[in-house]
């Protein structure tokens, strides 16, 4: 078995913060309401290609984003440290597969320096050519950890991420941290609210 995790909304409780941030960016720069939900699960490159094509506007949005991410609070979803430690002790290969870029993750490592030792690999947007809902990122994670869809479990929360996970043929466990259970259950083999009490026997 190998286990792949999305990051925001799965391992750390940041999705609400990101929704507020992108909603503000949508209002301030694009005159659009509800932008945070519209781009949920997409990489910055994908967002710019589809919605923020002007280079000067991209520069202004990037500056706002960088400042916001420096000030964000990065806290583990309940039960995450215990579950990751249990996987490590059992010798189960693990990887984080995130749409976030290296610059954002540097902020995460400053806040949670223990994270890098809790998993075997961390794959960021720089490792992929396509964004979720394309499953390329998860297939890359399987390849690096020596797994196949048949022996892989993927944890996700966003609709794009869940669609990408489902497209691989792996087992999918959805986190009801961003959307309610009834919104994501059709993408998942199992839905959980957090990792409290979760064990290998539940996978």
N, C-alpha and C. Protein backbone atom coordinates (compact mmCIF):
# COMPACT_ATOMS: atom_id res chain seq x y z
N UNK A 1 0.84 -1.20 0.00
CA UNK A 1 0.00 0.00 0.00
C UNK A 1 0.87 1.25 0.00
N UNK A 2 0.43 2.27 -0.74
CA UNK A 2 1.00 3.61 -0.62
C UNK A 2 -0.16 4.58 -0.39
N UNK A 3 0.15 5.72 0.23
CA UNK A 3 -0.88 6.70 0.54
C UNK A 3 -0.45 8.07 0.06
N UNK A 4 -1.33 8.73 -0.69
CA UNK A 4 -1.09 10.07 -1.22
C UNK A 4 -2.06 11.05 -0.58
N UNK A 5 -1.55 12.20 -0.23
CA UNK A 5 -2.37 13.23 0.41
C UNK A 5 -2.31 14.54 -0.38
N UNK A 6 -3.47 15.12 -0.65
CA UNK A 6 -3.49 16.53 -0.99
C UNK A 6 -3.06 17.29 0.27
N UNK A 7 -2.82 18.58 0.16
CA UNK A 7 -2.32 19.32 1.32
C UNK A 7 -3.38 20.22 1.93
N UNK A 8 -3.72 21.30 1.26
CA UNK A 8 -4.69 22.26 1.81
C UNK A 8 -6.07 21.63 1.93
N UNK A 9 -6.64 21.70 3.13
CA UNK A 9 -7.95 21.11 3.35
C UNK A 9 -7.91 19.64 3.66
N UNK A 10 -6.74 19.03 3.56
CA UNK A 10 -6.58 17.61 3.87
C UNK A 10 -5.65 17.43 5.07
N UNK A 11 -4.44 17.94 4.96
CA UNK A 11 -3.49 17.85 6.08
C UNK A 11 -3.51 19.10 6.95
N UNK A 12 -3.75 20.24 6.34
CA UNK A 12 -3.80 21.50 7.11
C UNK A 12 -5.12 22.23 6.84
N UNK A 13 -5.54 22.98 7.83
CA UNK A 13 -6.83 23.66 7.78
C UNK A 13 -6.66 25.07 7.20
N UNK A 14 -6.49 25.13 5.88
CA UNK A 14 -6.25 26.43 5.23
C UNK A 14 -7.30 26.80 4.19
N UNK A 15 -8.18 25.88 3.83
CA UNK A 15 -9.08 26.15 2.72
C UNK A 15 -10.00 27.34 2.97
N UNK A 16 -10.47 27.51 4.19
CA UNK A 16 -11.32 28.67 4.49
C UNK A 16 -10.53 29.96 4.30
N UNK A 17 -9.27 29.97 4.73
CA UNK A 17 -8.43 31.16 4.55
C UNK A 17 -8.23 31.46 3.07
N UNK A 18 -7.98 30.41 2.27
CA UNK A 18 -7.79 30.62 0.84
C UNK A 18 -9.06 31.12 0.16
N UNK A 19 -10.19 30.60 0.57
CA UNK A 19 -11.45 31.05 -0.03
C UNK A 19 -11.65 32.54 0.22
N UNK A 20 -11.40 32.99 1.44
CA UNK A 20 -11.53 34.42 1.76
C UNK A 20 -10.54 35.25 0.92
N UNK A 21 -9.30 34.75 0.81
CA UNK A 21 -8.28 35.49 0.07
C UNK A 21 -8.66 35.62 -1.40
N UNK A 22 -9.03 34.50 -2.04
CA UNK A 22 -9.35 34.55 -3.47
C UNK A 22 -10.67 35.28 -3.74
N UNK A 23 -11.59 35.22 -2.79
CA UNK A 23 -12.81 36.04 -2.92
C UNK A 23 -12.45 37.52 -2.95
N UNK A 24 -11.52 37.92 -2.08
CA UNK A 24 -11.09 39.32 -2.04
C UNK A 24 -10.36 39.70 -3.32
N UNK A 25 -9.50 38.81 -3.82
CA UNK A 25 -8.79 39.07 -5.08
C UNK A 25 -9.79 39.19 -6.22
N UNK A 26 -10.77 38.31 -6.25
CA UNK A 26 -11.78 38.38 -7.30
C UNK A 26 -12.54 39.69 -7.30
N UNK A 27 -12.90 40.17 -6.10
CA UNK A 27 -13.61 41.45 -5.99
C UNK A 27 -12.70 42.61 -6.37
N UNK A 28 -11.48 42.63 -5.82
CA UNK A 28 -10.61 43.79 -5.97
C UNK A 28 -10.00 43.92 -7.36
N UNK A 29 -9.67 42.79 -7.99
CA UNK A 29 -8.96 42.83 -9.26
C UNK A 29 -9.83 42.46 -10.46
N UNK A 30 -10.87 41.67 -10.25
CA UNK A 30 -11.66 41.19 -11.39
C UNK A 30 -13.12 41.62 -11.34
N UNK A 31 -13.53 42.24 -10.24
CA UNK A 31 -14.93 42.65 -10.11
C UNK A 31 -15.87 41.47 -10.09
N UNK A 32 -15.42 40.35 -9.51
CA UNK A 32 -16.20 39.12 -9.54
C UNK A 32 -16.40 38.59 -8.13
N UNK A 33 -17.63 38.19 -7.80
CA UNK A 33 -17.94 37.63 -6.50
C UNK A 33 -17.79 36.11 -6.54
N UNK A 34 -17.49 35.53 -5.38
CA UNK A 34 -17.41 34.08 -5.28
C UNK A 34 -16.26 33.45 -6.03
N UNK A 35 -15.19 34.21 -6.27
CA UNK A 35 -14.07 33.72 -7.07
C UNK A 35 -13.33 32.58 -6.37
N UNK A 36 -13.31 32.60 -5.05
CA UNK A 36 -12.59 31.58 -4.30
C UNK A 36 -13.09 30.17 -4.58
N UNK A 37 -14.39 30.01 -4.71
CA UNK A 37 -14.94 28.69 -5.00
C UNK A 37 -14.72 28.32 -6.46
N UNK A 38 -14.71 29.31 -7.31
CA UNK A 38 -14.57 29.06 -8.74
C UNK A 38 -13.23 28.43 -9.09
N UNK A 39 -12.16 28.83 -8.37
CA UNK A 39 -10.81 28.36 -8.73
C UNK A 39 -10.29 27.30 -7.76
N UNK A 40 -11.16 26.79 -6.89
CA UNK A 40 -10.76 25.82 -5.88
C UNK A 40 -10.04 24.62 -6.50
N UNK A 41 -8.84 24.31 -5.98
CA UNK A 41 -8.10 23.15 -6.44
C UNK A 41 -7.21 23.37 -7.65
N UNK A 42 -7.19 24.60 -8.19
CA UNK A 42 -6.38 24.90 -9.36
C UNK A 42 -5.03 25.49 -8.96
N UNK A 43 -4.03 25.27 -9.79
CA UNK A 43 -2.72 25.87 -9.55
C UNK A 43 -2.76 27.34 -9.92
N UNK A 44 -1.77 28.09 -9.43
CA UNK A 44 -1.70 29.51 -9.76
C UNK A 44 -1.53 29.70 -11.27
N UNK A 45 -0.72 28.85 -11.89
CA UNK A 45 -0.52 28.92 -13.34
C UNK A 45 -1.84 28.74 -14.08
N UNK A 46 -2.64 27.81 -13.64
CA UNK A 46 -3.93 27.55 -14.27
C UNK A 46 -4.88 28.73 -14.07
N UNK A 47 -4.87 29.28 -12.86
CA UNK A 47 -5.74 30.44 -12.58
C UNK A 47 -5.37 31.61 -13.47
N UNK A 48 -4.08 31.88 -13.60
CA UNK A 48 -3.64 32.99 -14.43
C UNK A 48 -4.00 32.76 -15.90
N UNK A 49 -3.80 31.56 -16.37
CA UNK A 49 -4.08 31.26 -17.78
C UNK A 49 -5.56 31.46 -18.12
N UNK A 50 -6.43 31.17 -17.16
CA UNK A 50 -7.86 31.22 -17.43
C UNK A 50 -8.52 32.55 -17.06
N UNK A 51 -8.02 33.22 -16.01
CA UNK A 51 -8.75 34.37 -15.48
C UNK A 51 -7.95 35.66 -15.35
N UNK A 52 -6.62 35.55 -15.21
CA UNK A 52 -5.79 36.74 -14.97
C UNK A 52 -4.67 36.75 -16.01
N UNK A 53 -5.00 37.12 -17.22
CA UNK A 53 -4.05 36.99 -18.32
C UNK A 53 -3.13 38.19 -18.49
N UNK A 54 -3.50 39.34 -17.94
CA UNK A 54 -2.67 40.53 -18.08
C UNK A 54 -1.44 40.43 -17.17
N UNK A 55 -0.23 40.57 -17.71
CA UNK A 55 1.00 40.40 -16.90
C UNK A 55 1.08 41.36 -15.71
N UNK A 56 0.66 42.61 -15.89
CA UNK A 56 0.73 43.56 -14.78
C UNK A 56 -0.25 43.17 -13.67
N UNK A 57 -1.42 42.68 -14.07
CA UNK A 57 -2.41 42.24 -13.10
C UNK A 57 -1.91 40.99 -12.37
N UNK A 58 -1.25 40.10 -13.10
CA UNK A 58 -0.66 38.91 -12.48
C UNK A 58 0.36 39.30 -11.41
N UNK A 59 1.16 40.31 -11.73
CA UNK A 59 2.18 40.77 -10.78
C UNK A 59 1.53 41.30 -9.50
N UNK A 60 0.44 42.05 -9.65
CA UNK A 60 -0.24 42.60 -8.49
C UNK A 60 -0.91 41.49 -7.67
N UNK A 61 -1.52 40.53 -8.34
CA UNK A 61 -2.16 39.41 -7.64
C UNK A 61 -1.11 38.56 -6.92
N UNK A 62 0.03 38.33 -7.57
CA UNK A 62 1.10 37.54 -6.96
C UNK A 62 1.61 38.20 -5.69
N UNK A 63 1.76 39.52 -5.73
CA UNK A 63 2.23 40.25 -4.54
C UNK A 63 1.23 40.10 -3.40
N UNK A 64 -0.06 40.21 -3.71
CA UNK A 64 -1.10 40.04 -2.68
C UNK A 64 -1.08 38.61 -2.13
N UNK A 65 -0.95 37.66 -3.03
CA UNK A 65 -0.93 36.25 -2.62
C UNK A 65 0.28 35.94 -1.74
N UNK A 66 1.45 36.41 -2.14
CA UNK A 66 2.67 36.15 -1.38
C UNK A 66 2.57 36.69 0.04
N UNK A 67 2.06 37.90 0.15
CA UNK A 67 1.92 38.53 1.47
C UNK A 67 0.92 37.76 2.32
N UNK A 68 -0.18 37.35 1.70
CA UNK A 68 -1.20 36.62 2.45
C UNK A 68 -0.67 35.29 2.95
N UNK A 69 0.04 34.55 2.09
CA UNK A 69 0.55 33.24 2.47
C UNK A 69 1.62 33.33 3.55
N UNK A 70 2.36 34.45 3.59
CA UNK A 70 3.34 34.63 4.65
C UNK A 70 2.66 34.77 6.02
N UNK A 71 1.42 35.28 6.00
CA UNK A 71 0.72 35.54 7.25
C UNK A 71 -0.31 34.47 7.62
N UNK A 72 -0.49 33.49 6.74
CA UNK A 72 -1.48 32.45 6.99
C UNK A 72 -1.12 31.61 8.21
N UNK A 73 -2.14 31.03 8.81
CA UNK A 73 -1.96 30.10 9.91
C UNK A 73 -2.01 28.69 9.35
N UNK A 74 -0.95 27.93 9.57
CA UNK A 74 -0.88 26.55 9.09
C UNK A 74 -0.99 25.60 10.28
N UNK A 75 -2.16 25.01 10.44
CA UNK A 75 -2.39 24.08 11.55
C UNK A 75 -2.91 22.76 10.99
N UNK A 76 -2.44 21.66 11.56
CA UNK A 76 -2.86 20.35 11.12
C UNK A 76 -4.35 20.11 11.36
N UNK A 77 -4.99 19.43 10.42
CA UNK A 77 -6.33 18.91 10.64
C UNK A 77 -6.24 17.93 11.82
N UNK A 78 -7.24 17.87 12.70
CA UNK A 78 -7.16 16.97 13.86
C UNK A 78 -6.83 15.53 13.46
N UNK A 79 -5.88 14.94 14.17
CA UNK A 79 -5.50 13.56 13.95
C UNK A 79 -4.42 13.33 12.92
N UNK A 80 -4.01 14.38 12.19
CA UNK A 80 -3.02 14.21 11.13
C UNK A 80 -1.67 13.72 11.65
N UNK A 81 -1.06 14.37 12.65
CA UNK A 81 0.26 13.90 13.11
C UNK A 81 0.25 12.44 13.54
N UNK A 82 -0.79 12.05 14.26
CA UNK A 82 -0.88 10.68 14.75
C UNK A 82 -1.01 9.69 13.59
N UNK A 83 -1.82 10.04 12.59
CA UNK A 83 -2.03 9.13 11.47
C UNK A 83 -0.77 9.02 10.61
N UNK A 84 -0.11 10.13 10.35
CA UNK A 84 1.12 10.08 9.56
C UNK A 84 2.20 9.29 10.29
N UNK A 85 2.28 9.46 11.59
CA UNK A 85 3.27 8.70 12.36
C UNK A 85 2.96 7.20 12.34
N UNK A 86 1.67 6.85 12.38
CA UNK A 86 1.28 5.44 12.33
C UNK A 86 1.66 4.82 10.99
N UNK A 87 1.47 5.58 9.90
CA UNK A 87 1.85 5.09 8.58
C UNK A 87 3.37 4.88 8.49
N UNK A 88 4.12 5.84 9.03
CA UNK A 88 5.59 5.73 9.01
C UNK A 88 6.06 4.53 9.81
N UNK A 89 5.50 4.35 10.98
CA UNK A 89 5.89 3.22 11.82
C UNK A 89 5.57 1.88 11.16
N UNK A 90 4.51 1.87 10.35
CA UNK A 90 4.11 0.64 9.66
C UNK A 90 4.87 0.43 8.35
N UNK A 91 5.71 1.41 7.99
CA UNK A 91 6.48 1.29 6.75
C UNK A 91 5.69 1.55 5.50
N UNK A 92 4.57 2.27 5.61
CA UNK A 92 3.74 2.58 4.44
C UNK A 92 4.30 3.83 3.75
N UNK A 93 4.67 3.75 2.47
CA UNK A 93 5.18 4.93 1.75
C UNK A 93 4.10 5.99 1.61
N UNK A 94 4.48 7.24 1.80
CA UNK A 94 3.52 8.34 1.74
C UNK A 94 4.08 9.51 0.96
N UNK A 95 3.18 10.30 0.36
CA UNK A 95 3.60 11.52 -0.34
C UNK A 95 2.49 12.54 -0.27
N UNK A 96 2.89 13.80 -0.18
CA UNK A 96 1.97 14.93 -0.35
C UNK A 96 1.99 15.31 -1.82
N UNK A 97 0.80 15.45 -2.40
CA UNK A 97 0.67 15.83 -3.81
C UNK A 97 -0.21 17.08 -3.84
N UNK A 98 0.41 18.24 -4.00
CA UNK A 98 -0.31 19.49 -3.85
C UNK A 98 -0.19 20.40 -5.07
N UNK A 99 -1.23 21.20 -5.28
CA UNK A 99 -1.21 22.20 -6.34
C UNK A 99 -0.43 23.44 -5.93
N UNK A 100 -0.03 23.51 -4.67
CA UNK A 100 0.74 24.65 -4.19
C UNK A 100 2.14 24.64 -4.79
N UNK A 101 2.75 25.83 -4.89
CA UNK A 101 4.10 25.91 -5.44
C UNK A 101 5.15 25.91 -4.32
N UNK A 102 6.40 25.83 -4.73
CA UNK A 102 7.50 25.75 -3.76
C UNK A 102 7.57 26.98 -2.86
N UNK A 103 7.26 28.15 -3.42
CA UNK A 103 7.32 29.38 -2.62
C UNK A 103 6.33 29.33 -1.47
N UNK A 104 5.11 28.88 -1.74
CA UNK A 104 4.12 28.76 -0.67
C UNK A 104 4.55 27.72 0.34
N UNK A 105 5.06 26.58 -0.14
CA UNK A 105 5.43 25.49 0.77
C UNK A 105 6.59 25.90 1.67
N UNK A 106 7.43 26.82 1.23
CA UNK A 106 8.51 27.32 2.10
C UNK A 106 7.92 27.98 3.34
N UNK A 107 6.79 28.69 3.19
CA UNK A 107 6.10 29.26 4.35
C UNK A 107 5.59 28.16 5.27
N UNK A 108 5.09 27.09 4.66
CA UNK A 108 4.58 25.96 5.44
C UNK A 108 5.70 25.33 6.27
N UNK A 109 6.86 25.12 5.65
CA UNK A 109 7.97 24.47 6.35
C UNK A 109 8.46 25.32 7.52
N UNK A 110 8.36 26.63 7.40
CA UNK A 110 8.75 27.48 8.54
C UNK A 110 7.78 27.31 9.70
N UNK A 111 6.49 27.15 9.36
CA UNK A 111 5.48 26.99 10.41
C UNK A 111 5.42 25.57 10.95
N UNK A 112 5.66 24.60 10.07
CA UNK A 112 5.57 23.18 10.45
C UNK A 112 6.84 22.46 10.00
N UNK A 113 7.97 22.74 10.63
CA UNK A 113 9.24 22.15 10.19
C UNK A 113 9.26 20.63 10.26
N UNK A 114 8.40 20.05 11.09
CA UNK A 114 8.37 18.60 11.22
C UNK A 114 7.73 17.91 10.02
N UNK A 115 7.02 18.66 9.17
CA UNK A 115 6.27 18.06 8.08
C UNK A 115 7.14 17.24 7.14
N UNK A 116 8.32 17.76 6.80
CA UNK A 116 9.16 17.09 5.80
C UNK A 116 9.62 15.72 6.25
N UNK A 117 9.68 15.49 7.54
CA UNK A 117 10.10 14.17 8.03
C UNK A 117 8.92 13.24 8.27
N UNK A 118 7.72 13.74 8.11
CA UNK A 118 6.53 12.93 8.38
C UNK A 118 6.05 12.16 7.16
N UNK A 119 6.53 12.55 5.96
CA UNK A 119 6.18 11.86 4.71
C UNK A 119 7.45 11.56 3.93
N UNK A 120 7.34 10.69 2.93
CA UNK A 120 8.51 10.32 2.14
C UNK A 120 8.82 11.31 1.02
N UNK A 121 7.77 11.86 0.41
CA UNK A 121 7.98 12.81 -0.69
C UNK A 121 6.95 13.92 -0.59
N UNK A 122 7.32 15.10 -1.10
CA UNK A 122 6.38 16.21 -1.24
C UNK A 122 6.47 16.70 -2.68
N UNK A 123 5.37 16.55 -3.41
CA UNK A 123 5.31 16.97 -4.81
C UNK A 123 4.48 18.23 -4.91
N UNK A 124 5.05 19.27 -5.52
CA UNK A 124 4.37 20.55 -5.68
C UNK A 124 4.03 20.79 -7.16
N UNK A 125 3.43 21.93 -7.44
CA UNK A 125 2.99 22.22 -8.81
C UNK A 125 4.15 22.23 -9.80
N UNK A 126 5.38 22.47 -9.31
CA UNK A 126 6.54 22.47 -10.19
C UNK A 126 6.85 21.08 -10.75
N UNK A 127 6.28 20.04 -10.16
CA UNK A 127 6.54 18.68 -10.60
C UNK A 127 5.60 18.22 -11.71
N UNK A 128 4.56 19.03 -12.02
CA UNK A 128 3.53 18.58 -12.94
C UNK A 128 3.38 19.51 -14.13
N UNK A 129 2.88 18.98 -15.22
CA UNK A 129 2.58 19.80 -16.40
C UNK A 129 1.09 20.10 -16.51
N UNK A 130 0.26 19.33 -15.79
CA UNK A 130 -1.19 19.51 -15.85
C UNK A 130 -1.74 19.67 -14.44
N UNK A 131 -2.86 20.36 -14.34
CA UNK A 131 -3.48 20.62 -13.05
C UNK A 131 -4.67 19.70 -12.83
N UNK A 132 -5.00 19.47 -11.57
CA UNK A 132 -6.24 18.76 -11.24
C UNK A 132 -7.41 19.53 -11.89
N UNK A 133 -8.38 18.86 -12.45
CA UNK A 133 -8.78 17.46 -12.28
C UNK A 133 -8.03 16.43 -13.13
N UNK A 134 -7.01 16.85 -13.88
CA UNK A 134 -6.19 15.85 -14.56
C UNK A 134 -5.46 15.01 -13.50
N UNK A 135 -5.40 13.70 -13.66
CA UNK A 135 -4.81 12.84 -12.63
C UNK A 135 -3.29 12.72 -12.70
N UNK A 136 -2.63 13.50 -13.57
CA UNK A 136 -1.18 13.37 -13.75
C UNK A 136 -0.42 13.40 -12.43
N UNK A 137 -0.79 14.32 -11.53
CA UNK A 137 -0.03 14.49 -10.29
C UNK A 137 -0.07 13.23 -9.42
N UNK A 138 -1.23 12.59 -9.37
CA UNK A 138 -1.34 11.38 -8.54
C UNK A 138 -0.62 10.20 -9.17
N UNK A 139 -0.68 10.11 -10.49
CA UNK A 139 0.09 9.05 -11.15
C UNK A 139 1.59 9.25 -10.92
N UNK A 140 2.02 10.52 -10.89
CA UNK A 140 3.42 10.83 -10.60
C UNK A 140 3.78 10.37 -9.18
N UNK A 141 2.89 10.62 -8.24
CA UNK A 141 3.13 10.18 -6.87
C UNK A 141 3.23 8.67 -6.76
N UNK A 142 2.35 7.97 -7.46
CA UNK A 142 2.41 6.51 -7.47
C UNK A 142 3.73 6.02 -8.05
N UNK A 143 4.14 6.64 -9.14
CA UNK A 143 5.39 6.24 -9.80
C UNK A 143 6.58 6.41 -8.86
N UNK A 144 6.65 7.54 -8.18
CA UNK A 144 7.79 7.81 -7.31
C UNK A 144 7.83 6.90 -6.09
N UNK A 145 6.67 6.48 -5.63
CA UNK A 145 6.62 5.62 -4.45
C UNK A 145 6.56 4.14 -4.81
N UNK A 146 6.52 3.83 -6.10
CA UNK A 146 6.50 2.44 -6.53
C UNK A 146 5.16 1.76 -6.35
N UNK A 147 4.07 2.52 -6.47
CA UNK A 147 2.74 1.96 -6.30
C UNK A 147 1.95 1.91 -7.59
N UNK A 148 0.79 1.30 -7.51
CA UNK A 148 -0.15 1.22 -8.63
C UNK A 148 -1.52 1.67 -8.12
N UNK A 149 -2.45 1.98 -9.02
CA UNK A 149 -3.79 2.35 -8.54
C UNK A 149 -4.41 1.30 -7.62
N UNK A 150 -4.12 0.05 -7.88
CA UNK A 150 -4.72 -1.03 -7.08
C UNK A 150 -4.27 -1.03 -5.63
N UNK A 151 -3.07 -0.49 -5.36
CA UNK A 151 -2.59 -0.49 -3.98
C UNK A 151 -2.40 0.92 -3.41
N UNK A 152 -3.09 1.89 -3.99
CA UNK A 152 -2.96 3.29 -3.56
C UNK A 152 -4.24 3.81 -2.92
N UNK A 153 -4.08 4.58 -1.85
CA UNK A 153 -5.19 5.30 -1.22
C UNK A 153 -4.88 6.79 -1.33
N UNK A 154 -5.85 7.57 -1.78
CA UNK A 154 -5.67 9.01 -1.96
C UNK A 154 -6.66 9.77 -1.06
N UNK A 155 -6.15 10.74 -0.32
CA UNK A 155 -6.98 11.62 0.50
C UNK A 155 -7.09 12.98 -0.19
N UNK A 156 -8.32 13.44 -0.40
CA UNK A 156 -8.57 14.71 -1.09
C UNK A 156 -9.78 15.40 -0.48
N UNK A 157 -9.93 16.70 -0.83
CA UNK A 157 -11.09 17.43 -0.32
C UNK A 157 -11.81 18.24 -1.40
N UNK A 158 -11.08 18.80 -2.37
CA UNK A 158 -11.70 19.68 -3.36
C UNK A 158 -12.34 18.86 -4.48
N UNK A 159 -13.27 19.45 -5.19
CA UNK A 159 -13.94 18.75 -6.28
C UNK A 159 -12.97 18.39 -7.40
N UNK A 160 -12.09 19.32 -7.77
CA UNK A 160 -11.09 19.03 -8.80
C UNK A 160 -10.15 17.93 -8.33
N UNK A 161 -9.73 18.01 -7.08
CA UNK A 161 -8.82 17.01 -6.55
C UNK A 161 -9.45 15.64 -6.46
N UNK A 162 -10.70 15.59 -6.02
CA UNK A 162 -11.40 14.32 -5.92
C UNK A 162 -11.62 13.70 -7.30
N UNK A 163 -11.94 14.54 -8.29
CA UNK A 163 -12.11 14.03 -9.65
C UNK A 163 -10.80 13.46 -10.18
N UNK A 164 -9.69 14.14 -9.89
CA UNK A 164 -8.37 13.64 -10.31
C UNK A 164 -8.05 12.32 -9.63
N UNK A 165 -8.33 12.24 -8.33
CA UNK A 165 -8.07 11.01 -7.59
C UNK A 165 -8.91 9.86 -8.12
N UNK A 166 -10.18 10.11 -8.34
CA UNK A 166 -11.08 9.07 -8.84
C UNK A 166 -10.64 8.58 -10.21
N UNK A 167 -10.13 9.49 -11.04
CA UNK A 167 -9.72 9.13 -12.40
C UNK A 167 -8.53 8.16 -12.43
N UNK A 168 -7.80 8.05 -11.33
CA UNK A 168 -6.65 7.14 -11.30
C UNK A 168 -7.07 5.69 -11.09
N UNK A 169 -8.25 5.48 -10.54
CA UNK A 169 -8.66 4.14 -10.20
C UNK A 169 -8.25 3.71 -8.81
N UNK A 170 -7.61 4.60 -8.07
CA UNK A 170 -7.20 4.30 -6.69
C UNK A 170 -8.39 4.41 -5.74
N UNK A 171 -8.21 3.94 -4.51
CA UNK A 171 -9.22 4.15 -3.48
C UNK A 171 -9.16 5.61 -3.05
N UNK A 172 -10.32 6.25 -2.91
CA UNK A 172 -10.38 7.68 -2.60
C UNK A 172 -11.12 7.90 -1.28
N UNK A 173 -10.46 8.60 -0.37
CA UNK A 173 -11.09 8.99 0.88
C UNK A 173 -11.23 10.51 0.88
N UNK A 174 -12.44 10.98 1.02
CA UNK A 174 -12.71 12.41 0.97
C UNK A 174 -12.77 13.04 2.34
N UNK A 175 -12.17 14.22 2.46
CA UNK A 175 -12.24 15.02 3.68
C UNK A 175 -13.37 16.03 3.54
N UNK A 176 -14.33 16.00 4.45
CA UNK A 176 -15.44 16.95 4.41
C UNK A 176 -15.06 18.22 5.15
N UNK A 177 -13.94 18.81 4.72
CA UNK A 177 -13.44 20.04 5.33
C UNK A 177 -13.76 21.26 4.47
N UNK A 178 -13.89 21.06 3.18
CA UNK A 178 -14.17 22.15 2.25
C UNK A 178 -15.60 22.12 1.77
N UNK A 179 -16.10 20.92 1.50
CA UNK A 179 -17.48 20.72 1.07
C UNK A 179 -18.17 19.74 2.02
N UNK A 180 -19.50 19.83 2.14
CA UNK A 180 -20.21 18.89 3.01
C UNK A 180 -20.16 17.48 2.44
N UNK A 181 -20.35 16.46 3.28
CA UNK A 181 -20.25 15.07 2.82
C UNK A 181 -21.11 14.75 1.61
N UNK A 182 -22.35 15.27 1.56
CA UNK A 182 -23.22 14.91 0.44
C UNK A 182 -22.77 15.51 -0.88
N UNK A 183 -21.88 16.51 -0.83
CA UNK A 183 -21.37 17.11 -2.07
C UNK A 183 -20.22 16.29 -2.66
N UNK A 184 -19.51 15.55 -1.82
CA UNK A 184 -18.31 14.85 -2.29
C UNK A 184 -18.43 13.33 -2.29
N UNK A 185 -19.48 12.78 -1.69
CA UNK A 185 -19.53 11.34 -1.49
C UNK A 185 -19.55 10.55 -2.80
N UNK A 186 -20.05 11.13 -3.89
CA UNK A 186 -20.09 10.41 -5.16
C UNK A 186 -18.69 10.20 -5.74
N UNK A 187 -17.71 11.00 -5.28
CA UNK A 187 -16.33 10.87 -5.74
C UNK A 187 -15.51 9.91 -4.88
N UNK A 188 -16.06 9.48 -3.76
CA UNK A 188 -15.25 8.82 -2.73
C UNK A 188 -15.70 7.41 -2.43
N UNK A 189 -14.76 6.62 -1.92
CA UNK A 189 -15.09 5.33 -1.35
C UNK A 189 -15.47 5.48 0.12
N UNK A 190 -15.01 6.57 0.72
CA UNK A 190 -15.28 6.82 2.14
C UNK A 190 -15.13 8.31 2.39
N UNK A 191 -15.94 8.87 3.26
CA UNK A 191 -15.86 10.29 3.63
C UNK A 191 -15.58 10.38 5.13
N UNK A 192 -14.61 11.23 5.51
CA UNK A 192 -14.30 11.45 6.92
C UNK A 192 -14.29 12.95 7.19
N UNK A 193 -14.50 13.31 8.45
CA UNK A 193 -14.49 14.73 8.82
C UNK A 193 -13.09 15.19 9.18
N UNK A 194 -12.26 14.26 9.74
CA UNK A 194 -10.87 14.52 10.05
C UNK A 194 -10.21 13.17 10.29
N UNK A 195 -8.96 13.17 10.79
CA UNK A 195 -8.21 11.92 10.94
C UNK A 195 -8.27 11.34 12.35
N UNK A 196 -9.08 11.94 13.21
CA UNK A 196 -9.14 11.49 14.58
C UNK A 196 -9.58 10.02 14.65
N UNK A 197 -8.75 9.19 15.26
CA UNK A 197 -9.08 7.79 15.43
C UNK A 197 -8.91 6.93 14.19
N UNK A 198 -8.47 7.51 13.07
CA UNK A 198 -8.30 6.73 11.84
C UNK A 198 -7.08 5.83 11.97
N UNK A 199 -7.23 4.59 11.52
CA UNK A 199 -6.12 3.63 11.58
C UNK A 199 -5.91 2.97 10.22
N UNK A 200 -4.82 2.22 10.10
CA UNK A 200 -4.55 1.52 8.85
C UNK A 200 -5.66 0.54 8.51
N UNK A 201 -6.29 -0.01 9.51
CA UNK A 201 -7.38 -0.96 9.27
C UNK A 201 -8.58 -0.31 8.58
N UNK A 202 -8.67 1.03 8.65
CA UNK A 202 -9.78 1.74 8.02
C UNK A 202 -9.54 2.01 6.54
N UNK A 203 -8.34 1.75 6.03
CA UNK A 203 -8.03 2.07 4.65
C UNK A 203 -8.44 0.93 3.72
